[in-house]
């Protein structure tokens, strides 16, 4: 799994989602970004060799942590 690539995608998605949902809907924005990352992982894994459910289960928690930490850095209160 390419963590630098995932981090880059997460930050780009957050930059897209932030102005759409505004500053008051952190949980919704996180849900949108998480769903988009999961979809990307599903598609990439399906195209390469399958096993997307196992891959997502392995990286779900780290992705969640990355989103939380990136939000704290990129969009401080």
PDB file of N, CA and C in Angstrom:
ATOM      1  N   UNK A   1       0.848  -1.178   0.000  1.00  0.00           N
ATOM      2  CA  UNK A   1       0.000   0.000   0.000  1.00  0.00           C
ATOM      3  C   UNK A   1       0.889   1.235   0.000  1.00  0.00           C
ATOM      4  N   UNK A   2       0.610   2.150  -0.876  1.00  0.00           N
ATOM      5  CA  UNK A   2       1.385   3.375  -1.015  1.00  0.00           C
ATOM      6  C   UNK A   2       0.798   4.461  -0.104  1.00  0.00           C
ATOM      7  N   UNK A   3       1.367   4.594   1.102  1.00  0.00           N
ATOM      8  CA  UNK A   3       0.829   5.536   2.085  1.00  0.00           C
ATOM      9  C   UNK A   3       1.010   6.986   1.658  1.00  0.00           C
ATOM     10  N   UNK A   4       2.101   7.295   0.968  1.00  0.00           N
ATOM     11  CA  UNK A   4       2.307   8.659   0.492  1.00  0.00           C
ATOM     12  C   UNK A   4       1.212   9.011  -0.521  1.00  0.00           C
ATOM     13  N   UNK A   5       0.888   8.066  -1.389  1.00  0.00           N
ATOM     14  CA  UNK A   5      -0.187   8.289  -2.353  1.00  0.00           C
ATOM     15  C   UNK A   5      -1.529   8.473  -1.677  1.00  0.00           C
ATOM     16  N   UNK A   6      -1.804   7.658  -0.670  1.00  0.00           N
ATOM     17  CA  UNK A   6      -3.073   7.776   0.059  1.00  0.00           C
ATOM     18  C   UNK A   6      -3.135   9.116   0.789  1.00  0.00           C
ATOM     19  N   UNK A   7      -2.044   9.508   1.425  1.00  0.00           N
ATOM     20  CA  UNK A   7      -2.010  10.787   2.127  1.00  0.00           C
ATOM     21  C   UNK A   7      -2.275  11.941   1.153  1.00  0.00           C
ATOM     22  N   UNK A   8      -1.662  11.889  -0.007  1.00  0.00           N
ATOM     23  CA  UNK A   8      -1.856  12.923  -1.018  1.00  0.00           C
ATOM     24  C   UNK A   8      -3.323  13.001  -1.449  1.00  0.00           C
ATOM     25  N   UNK A   9      -3.931  11.848  -1.668  1.00  0.00           N
ATOM     26  CA  UNK A   9      -5.348  11.797  -2.069  1.00  0.00           C
ATOM     27  C   UNK A   9      -6.228  12.358  -0.954  1.00  0.00           C
ATOM     28  N   UNK A  10      -5.935  11.976   0.289  1.00  0.00           N
ATOM     29  CA  UNK A  10      -6.740  12.455   1.423  1.00  0.00           C
ATOM     30  C   UNK A  10      -6.679  13.975   1.509  1.00  0.00           C
ATOM     31  N   UNK A  11      -5.490  14.536   1.420  1.00  0.00           N
ATOM     32  CA  UNK A  11      -5.348  15.990   1.521  1.00  0.00           C
ATOM     33  C   UNK A  11      -6.077  16.680   0.372  1.00  0.00           C
ATOM     34  N   UNK A  12      -5.963  16.147  -0.822  1.00  0.00           N
ATOM     35  CA  UNK A  12      -6.676  16.740  -1.968  1.00  0.00           C
ATOM     36  C   UNK A  12      -8.196  16.662  -1.785  1.00  0.00           C
ATOM     37  N   UNK A  13      -8.674  15.515  -1.320  1.00  0.00           N
ATOM     38  CA  UNK A  13     -10.115  15.374  -1.087  1.00  0.00           C
ATOM     39  C   UNK A  13     -10.588  16.342  -0.007  1.00  0.00           C
ATOM     40  N   UNK A  14      -9.792  16.485   1.041  1.00  0.00           N
ATOM     41  CA  UNK A  14     -10.166  17.410   2.113  1.00  0.00           C
ATOM     42  C   UNK A  14     -10.249  18.841   1.589  1.00  0.00           C
ATOM     43  N   UNK A  15      -9.335  19.210   0.703  1.00  0.00           N
ATOM     44  CA  UNK A  15      -9.351  20.550   0.131  1.00  0.00           C
ATOM     45  C   UNK A  15     -10.592  20.771  -0.731  1.00  0.00           C
ATOM     46  N   UNK A  16     -11.080  19.724  -1.361  1.00  0.00           N
ATOM     47  CA  UNK A  16     -12.290  19.818  -2.178  1.00  0.00           C
ATOM     48  C   UNK A  16     -13.529  19.881  -1.293  1.00  0.00           C
ATOM     49  N   UNK A  17     -13.563  19.041  -0.264  1.00  0.00           N
ATOM     50  CA  UNK A  17     -14.746  18.906   0.588  1.00  0.00           C
ATOM     51  C   UNK A  17     -14.923  20.107   1.520  1.00  0.00           C
ATOM     52  N   UNK A  18     -13.827  20.670   2.010  1.00  0.00           N
ATOM     53  CA  UNK A  18     -13.905  21.771   2.987  1.00  0.00           C
ATOM     54  C   UNK A  18     -14.796  22.924   2.533  1.00  0.00           C
ATOM     55  N   UNK A  19     -14.596  23.499   1.362  1.00  0.00           N
ATOM     56  CA  UNK A  19     -15.452  24.641   0.989  1.00  0.00           C
ATOM     57  C   UNK A  19     -16.897  24.229   0.680  1.00  0.00           C
ATOM     58  N   UNK A  20     -17.105  22.997   0.329  1.00  0.00           N
ATOM     59  CA  UNK A  20     -18.465  22.545   0.009  1.00  0.00           C
ATOM     60  C   UNK A  20     -19.316  22.466   1.268  1.00  0.00           C
ATOM     61  N   UNK A  21     -18.746  21.906   2.345  1.00  0.00           N
ATOM     62  CA  UNK A  21     -19.515  21.675   3.569  1.00  0.00           C
ATOM     63  C   UNK A  21     -19.294  22.736   4.644  1.00  0.00           C
ATOM     64  N   UNK A  22     -18.278  23.557   4.512  1.00  0.00           N
ATOM     65  CA  UNK A  22     -18.040  24.623   5.479  1.00  0.00           C
ATOM     66  C   UNK A  22     -17.410  24.134   6.766  1.00  0.00           C
ATOM     67  N   UNK A  23     -17.185  25.060   7.690  1.00  0.00           N
ATOM     68  CA  UNK A  23     -16.412  24.740   8.891  1.00  0.00           C
ATOM     69  C   UNK A  23     -17.173  23.991   9.986  1.00  0.00           C
ATOM     70  N   UNK A  24     -18.475  23.856   9.895  1.00  0.00           N
ATOM     71  CA  UNK A  24     -19.237  23.309  11.014  1.00  0.00           C
ATOM     72  C   UNK A  24     -19.611  21.840  10.894  1.00  0.00           C
ATOM     73  N   UNK A  25     -19.190  21.171   9.856  1.00  0.00           N
ATOM     74  CA  UNK A  25     -19.663  19.803   9.647  1.00  0.00           C
ATOM     75  C   UNK A  25     -18.498  18.824   9.518  1.00  0.00           C
ATOM     76  N   UNK A  26     -17.639  18.792  10.523  1.00  0.00           N
ATOM     77  CA  UNK A  26     -16.454  17.936  10.488  1.00  0.00           C
ATOM     78  C   UNK A  26     -16.758  16.468  10.288  1.00  0.00           C
ATOM     79  N   UNK A  27     -17.772  15.961  10.976  1.00  0.00           N
ATOM     80  CA  UNK A  27     -18.106  14.534  10.870  1.00  0.00           C
ATOM     81  C   UNK A  27     -18.583  14.188   9.459  1.00  0.00           C
ATOM     82  N   UNK A  28     -19.366  15.061   8.872  1.00  0.00           N
ATOM     83  CA  UNK A  28     -19.865  14.823   7.512  1.00  0.00           C
ATOM     84  C   UNK A  28     -18.713  14.855   6.518  1.00  0.00           C
ATOM     85  N   UNK A  29     -17.824  15.838   6.675  1.00  0.00           N
ATOM     86  CA  UNK A  29     -16.675  15.938   5.774  1.00  0.00           C
ATOM     87  C   UNK A  29     -15.800  14.695   5.893  1.00  0.00           C
ATOM     88  N   UNK A  30     -15.578  14.235   7.117  1.00  0.00           N
ATOM     89  CA  UNK A  30     -14.760  13.035   7.312  1.00  0.00           C
ATOM     90  C   UNK A  30     -15.422  11.826   6.656  1.00  0.00           C
ATOM     91  N   UNK A  31     -16.718  11.716   6.788  1.00  0.00           N
ATOM     92  CA  UNK A  31     -17.453  10.611   6.171  1.00  0.00           C
ATOM     93  C   UNK A  31     -17.321  10.634   4.648  1.00  0.00           C
ATOM     94  N   UNK A  32     -17.410  11.816   4.060  1.00  0.00           N
ATOM     95  CA  UNK A  32     -17.279  11.954   2.606  1.00  0.00           C
ATOM     96  C   UNK A  32     -15.873  11.565   2.162  1.00  0.00           C
ATOM     97  N   UNK A  33     -14.857  12.070   2.852  1.00  0.00           N
ATOM     98  CA  UNK A  33     -13.472  11.761   2.486  1.00  0.00           C
ATOM     99  C   UNK A  33     -13.184  10.278   2.696  1.00  0.00           C
ATOM    100  N   UNK A  34     -13.624   9.722   3.816  1.00  0.00           N
ATOM    101  CA  UNK A  34     -13.415   8.300   4.083  1.00  0.00           C
ATOM    102  C   UNK A  34     -14.090   7.440   3.017  1.00  0.00           C
ATOM    103  N   UNK A  35     -15.319   7.783   2.654  1.00  0.00           N
ATOM    104  CA  UNK A  35     -16.021   7.034   1.613  1.00  0.00           C
ATOM    105  C   UNK A  35     -15.313   7.099   0.278  1.00  0.00           C
ATOM    106  N   UNK A  36     -14.786   8.275  -0.051  1.00  0.00           N
ATOM    107  CA  UNK A  36     -14.065   8.419  -1.317  1.00  0.00           C
ATOM    108  C   UNK A  36     -12.782   7.600  -1.314  1.00  0.00           C
ATOM    109  N   UNK A  37     -12.053   7.627  -0.205  1.00  0.00           N
ATOM    110  CA  UNK A  37     -10.815   6.835  -0.114  1.00  0.00           C
ATOM    111  C   UNK A  37     -11.136   5.349  -0.208  1.00  0.00           C
ATOM    112  N   UNK A  38     -12.197   4.914   0.465  1.00  0.00           N
ATOM    113  CA  UNK A  38     -12.589   3.496   0.407  1.00  0.00           C
ATOM    114  C   UNK A  38     -12.918   3.102  -1.025  1.00  0.00           C
ATOM    115  N   UNK A  39     -13.642   3.946  -1.733  1.00  0.00           N
ATOM    116  CA  UNK A  39     -13.983   3.657  -3.130  1.00  0.00           C
ATOM    117  C   UNK A  39     -12.729   3.536  -3.982  1.00  0.00           C
ATOM    118  N   UNK A  40     -11.793   4.441  -3.785  1.00  0.00           N
ATOM    119  CA  UNK A  40     -10.539   4.384  -4.538  1.00  0.00           C
ATOM    120  C   UNK A  40      -9.798   3.083  -4.240  1.00  0.00           C
ATOM    121  N   UNK A  41      -9.700   2.724  -2.964  1.00  0.00           N
ATOM    122  CA  UNK A  41      -9.012   1.480  -2.581  1.00  0.00           C
ATOM    123  C   UNK A  41      -9.725   0.282  -3.206  1.00  0.00           C
ATOM    124  N   UNK A  42     -11.048   0.265  -3.149  1.00  0.00           N
ATOM    125  CA  UNK A  42     -11.818  -0.840  -3.736  1.00  0.00           C
ATOM    126  C   UNK A  42     -11.521  -0.995  -5.218  1.00  0.00           C
ATOM    127  N   UNK A  43     -11.537   0.114  -5.941  1.00  0.00           N
ATOM    128  CA  UNK A  43     -11.321   0.061  -7.390  1.00  0.00           C
ATOM    129  C   UNK A  43      -9.900  -0.378  -7.714  1.00  0.00           C
ATOM    130  N   UNK A  44      -8.926   0.221  -7.054  1.00  0.00           N
ATOM    131  CA  UNK A  44      -7.525  -0.117  -7.322  1.00  0.00           C
ATOM    132  C   UNK A  44      -7.252  -1.587  -6.996  1.00  0.00           C
ATOM    133  N   UNK A  45      -7.721  -2.043  -5.862  1.00  0.00           N
ATOM    134  CA  UNK A  45      -7.483  -3.425  -5.476  1.00  0.00           C
ATOM    135  C   UNK A  45      -8.200  -4.400  -6.403  1.00  0.00           C
ATOM    136  N   UNK A  46      -9.417  -4.049  -6.815  1.00  0.00           N
ATOM    137  CA  UNK A  46     -10.157  -4.927  -7.719  1.00  0.00           C
ATOM    138  C   UNK A  46      -9.464  -5.040  -9.064  1.00  0.00           C
ATOM    139  N   UNK A  47      -8.938  -3.929  -9.542  1.00  0.00           N
ATOM    140  CA  UNK A  47      -8.244  -3.941 -10.825  1.00  0.00           C
ATOM    141  C   UNK A  47      -6.913  -4.687 -10.749  1.00  0.00           C
ATOM    142  N   UNK A  48      -6.268  -4.633  -9.590  1.00  0.00           N
ATOM    143  CA  UNK A  48      -4.944  -5.257  -9.502  1.00  0.00           C
ATOM    144  C   UNK A  48      -5.034  -6.745  -9.211  1.00  0.00           C
ATOM    145  N   UNK A  49      -5.582  -7.125  -8.060  1.00  0.00           N
ATOM    146  CA  UNK A  49      -5.578  -8.548  -7.741  1.00  0.00           C
ATOM    147  C   UNK A  49      -6.711  -8.976  -6.823  1.00  0.00           C
ATOM    148  N   UNK A  50      -7.683  -8.132  -6.600  1.00  0.00           N
ATOM    149  CA  UNK A  50      -8.754  -8.470  -5.672  1.00  0.00           C
ATOM    150  C   UNK A  50      -8.320  -8.237  -4.242  1.00  0.00           C
ATOM    151  N   UNK A  51      -9.120  -8.685  -3.292  1.00  0.00           N
ATOM    152  CA  UNK A  51      -8.765  -8.552  -1.891  1.00  0.00           C
ATOM    153  C   UNK A  51      -9.046  -7.178  -1.317  1.00  0.00           C
ATOM    154  N   UNK A  52      -9.913  -6.384  -1.987  1.00  0.00           N
ATOM    155  CA  UNK A  52     -10.146  -5.032  -1.525  1.00  0.00           C
ATOM    156  C   UNK A  52     -10.763  -4.964  -0.141  1.00  0.00           C
ATOM    157  N   UNK A  53     -11.620  -5.904   0.217  1.00  0.00           N
ATOM    158  CA  UNK A  53     -12.226  -5.861   1.544  1.00  0.00           C
ATOM    159  C   UNK A  53     -11.167  -6.050   2.617  1.00  0.00           C
ATOM    160  N   UNK A  54     -10.259  -6.981   2.406  1.00  0.00           N
ATOM    161  CA  UNK A  54      -9.191  -7.212   3.374  1.00  0.00           C
ATOM    162  C   UNK A  54      -8.272  -5.995   3.454  1.00  0.00           C
ATOM    163  N   UNK A  55      -7.968  -5.407   2.313  1.00  0.00           N
ATOM    164  CA  UNK A  55      -7.106  -4.223   2.309  1.00  0.00           C
ATOM    165  C   UNK A  55      -7.782  -3.091   3.058  1.00  0.00           C
ATOM    166  N   UNK A  56      -9.059  -2.838   2.789  1.00  0.00           N
ATOM    167  CA  UNK A  56      -9.751  -1.750   3.469  1.00  0.00           C
ATOM    168  C   UNK A  56      -9.795  -1.998   4.968  1.00  0.00           C
ATOM    169  N   UNK A  57     -10.064  -3.209   5.385  1.00  0.00           N
ATOM    170  CA  UNK A  57     -10.107  -3.505   6.819  1.00  0.00           C
ATOM    171  C   UNK A  57      -8.759  -3.233   7.475  1.00  0.00           C
ATOM    172  N   UNK A  58      -7.667  -3.502   6.764  1.00  0.00           N
ATOM    173  CA  UNK A  58      -6.324  -3.263   7.301  1.00  0.00           C
ATOM    174  C   UNK A  58      -6.015  -1.779   7.425  1.00  0.00           C
ATOM    175  N   UNK A  59      -6.500  -0.980   6.488  1.00  0.00           N
ATOM    176  CA  UNK A  59      -6.094   0.422   6.477  1.00  0.00           C
ATOM    177  C   UNK A  59      -7.176   1.388   6.974  1.00  0.00           C
ATOM    178  N   UNK A  60      -8.357   0.881   7.301  1.00  0.00           N
ATOM    179  CA  UNK A  60      -9.463   1.752   7.704  1.00  0.00           C
ATOM    180  C   UNK A  60      -9.091   2.642   8.896  1.00  0.00           C
ATOM    181  N   UNK A  61      -8.532   2.070   9.931  1.00  0.00           N
ATOM    182  CA  UNK A  61      -8.185   2.851  11.114  1.00  0.00           C
ATOM    183  C   UNK A  61      -7.058   3.850  10.834  1.00  0.00           C
ATOM    184  N   UNK A  62      -5.971   3.432  10.168  1.00  0.00           N
ATOM    185  CA  UNK A  62      -4.941   4.430   9.845  1.00  0.00           C
ATOM    186  C   UNK A  62      -5.470   5.567   8.962  1.00  0.00           C
ATOM    187  N   UNK A  63      -6.348   5.262   8.018  1.00  0.00           N
ATOM    188  CA  UNK A  63      -6.930   6.312   7.174  1.00  0.00           C
ATOM    189  C   UNK A  63      -7.734   7.284   8.030  1.00  0.00           C
ATOM    190  N   UNK A  64      -8.503   6.764   8.955  1.00  0.00           N
ATOM    191  CA  UNK A  64      -9.280   7.607   9.860  1.00  0.00           C
ATOM    192  C   UNK A  64      -8.360   8.530  10.660  1.00  0.00           C
ATOM    193  N   UNK A  65      -7.271   7.987  11.165  1.00  0.00           N
ATOM    194  CA  UNK A  65      -6.313   8.792  11.928  1.00  0.00           C
ATOM    195  C   UNK A  65      -5.650   9.852  11.049  1.00  0.00           C
ATOM    196  N   UNK A  66      -5.316   9.482   9.827  1.00  0.00           N
ATOM    197  CA  UNK A  66      -4.702  10.443   8.898  1.00  0.00           C
ATOM    198  C   UNK A  66      -5.658  11.598   8.641  1.00  0.00           C
ATOM    199  N   UNK A  67      -6.921  11.300   8.410  1.00  0.00           N
ATOM    200  CA  UNK A  67      -7.912  12.350   8.158  1.00  0.00           C
ATOM    201  C   UNK A  67      -8.018  13.276   9.370  1.00  0.00           C
ATOM    202  N   UNK A  68      -8.118  12.707  10.567  1.00  0.00           N
ATOM    203  CA  UNK A  68      -8.216  13.531  11.778  1.00  0.00           C
ATOM    204  C   UNK A  68      -7.000  14.439  11.946  1.00  0.00           C
ATOM    205  N   UNK A  69      -5.816  13.867  11.777  1.00  0.00           N
ATOM    206  CA  UNK A  69      -4.584  14.642  11.953  1.00  0.00           C
ATOM    207  C   UNK A  69      -4.426  15.692  10.868  1.00  0.00           C
ATOM    208  N   UNK A  70      -4.738  15.332   9.633  1.00  0.00           N
ATOM    209  CA  UNK A  70      -4.632  16.302   8.536  1.00  0.00           C
ATOM    210  C   UNK A  70      -5.616  17.452   8.739  1.00  0.00           C
ATOM    211  N   UNK A  71      -6.813  17.151   9.215  1.00  0.00           N
ATOM    212  CA  UNK A  71      -7.799  18.204   9.467  1.00  0.00           C
ATOM    213  C   UNK A  71      -7.307  19.165  10.544  1.00  0.00           C
ATOM    214  N   UNK A  72      -6.677  18.624  11.566  1.00  0.00           N
ATOM    215  CA  UNK A  72      -6.150  19.472  12.634  1.00  0.00           C
ATOM    216  C   UNK A  72      -5.072  20.415  12.104  1.00  0.00           C
ATOM    217  N   UNK A  73      -4.245  19.911  11.211  1.00  0.00           N
ATOM    218  CA  UNK A  73      -3.163  20.725  10.646  1.00  0.00           C
ATOM    219  C   UNK A  73      -3.687  21.699   9.595  1.00  0.00           C
ATOM    220  N   UNK A  74      -4.509  21.212   8.683  1.00  0.00           N
ATOM    221  CA  UNK A  74      -4.949  22.040   7.563  1.00  0.00           C
ATOM    222  C   UNK A  74      -6.044  23.044   7.922  1.00  0.00           C
ATOM    223  N   UNK A  75      -6.894  22.662   8.867  1.00  0.00           N
ATOM    224  CA  UNK A  75      -8.044  23.504   9.202  1.00  0.00           C
ATOM    225  C   UNK A  75      -8.132  23.714  10.715  1.00  0.00           C
ATOM    226  N   UNK A  76      -7.132  24.385  11.300  1.00  0.00           N
ATOM    227  CA  UNK A  76      -7.169  24.598  12.756  1.00  0.00           C
ATOM    228  C   UNK A  76      -8.350  25.469  13.142  1.00  0.00           C
ATOM    229  N   UNK A  77      -8.824  25.284  14.339  1.00  0.00           N
ATOM    230  CA  UNK A  77      -9.981  26.043  14.817  1.00  0.00           C
ATOM    231  C   UNK A  77      -9.570  27.408  15.298  1.00  0.00           C
TER     232      UNK A  77
END
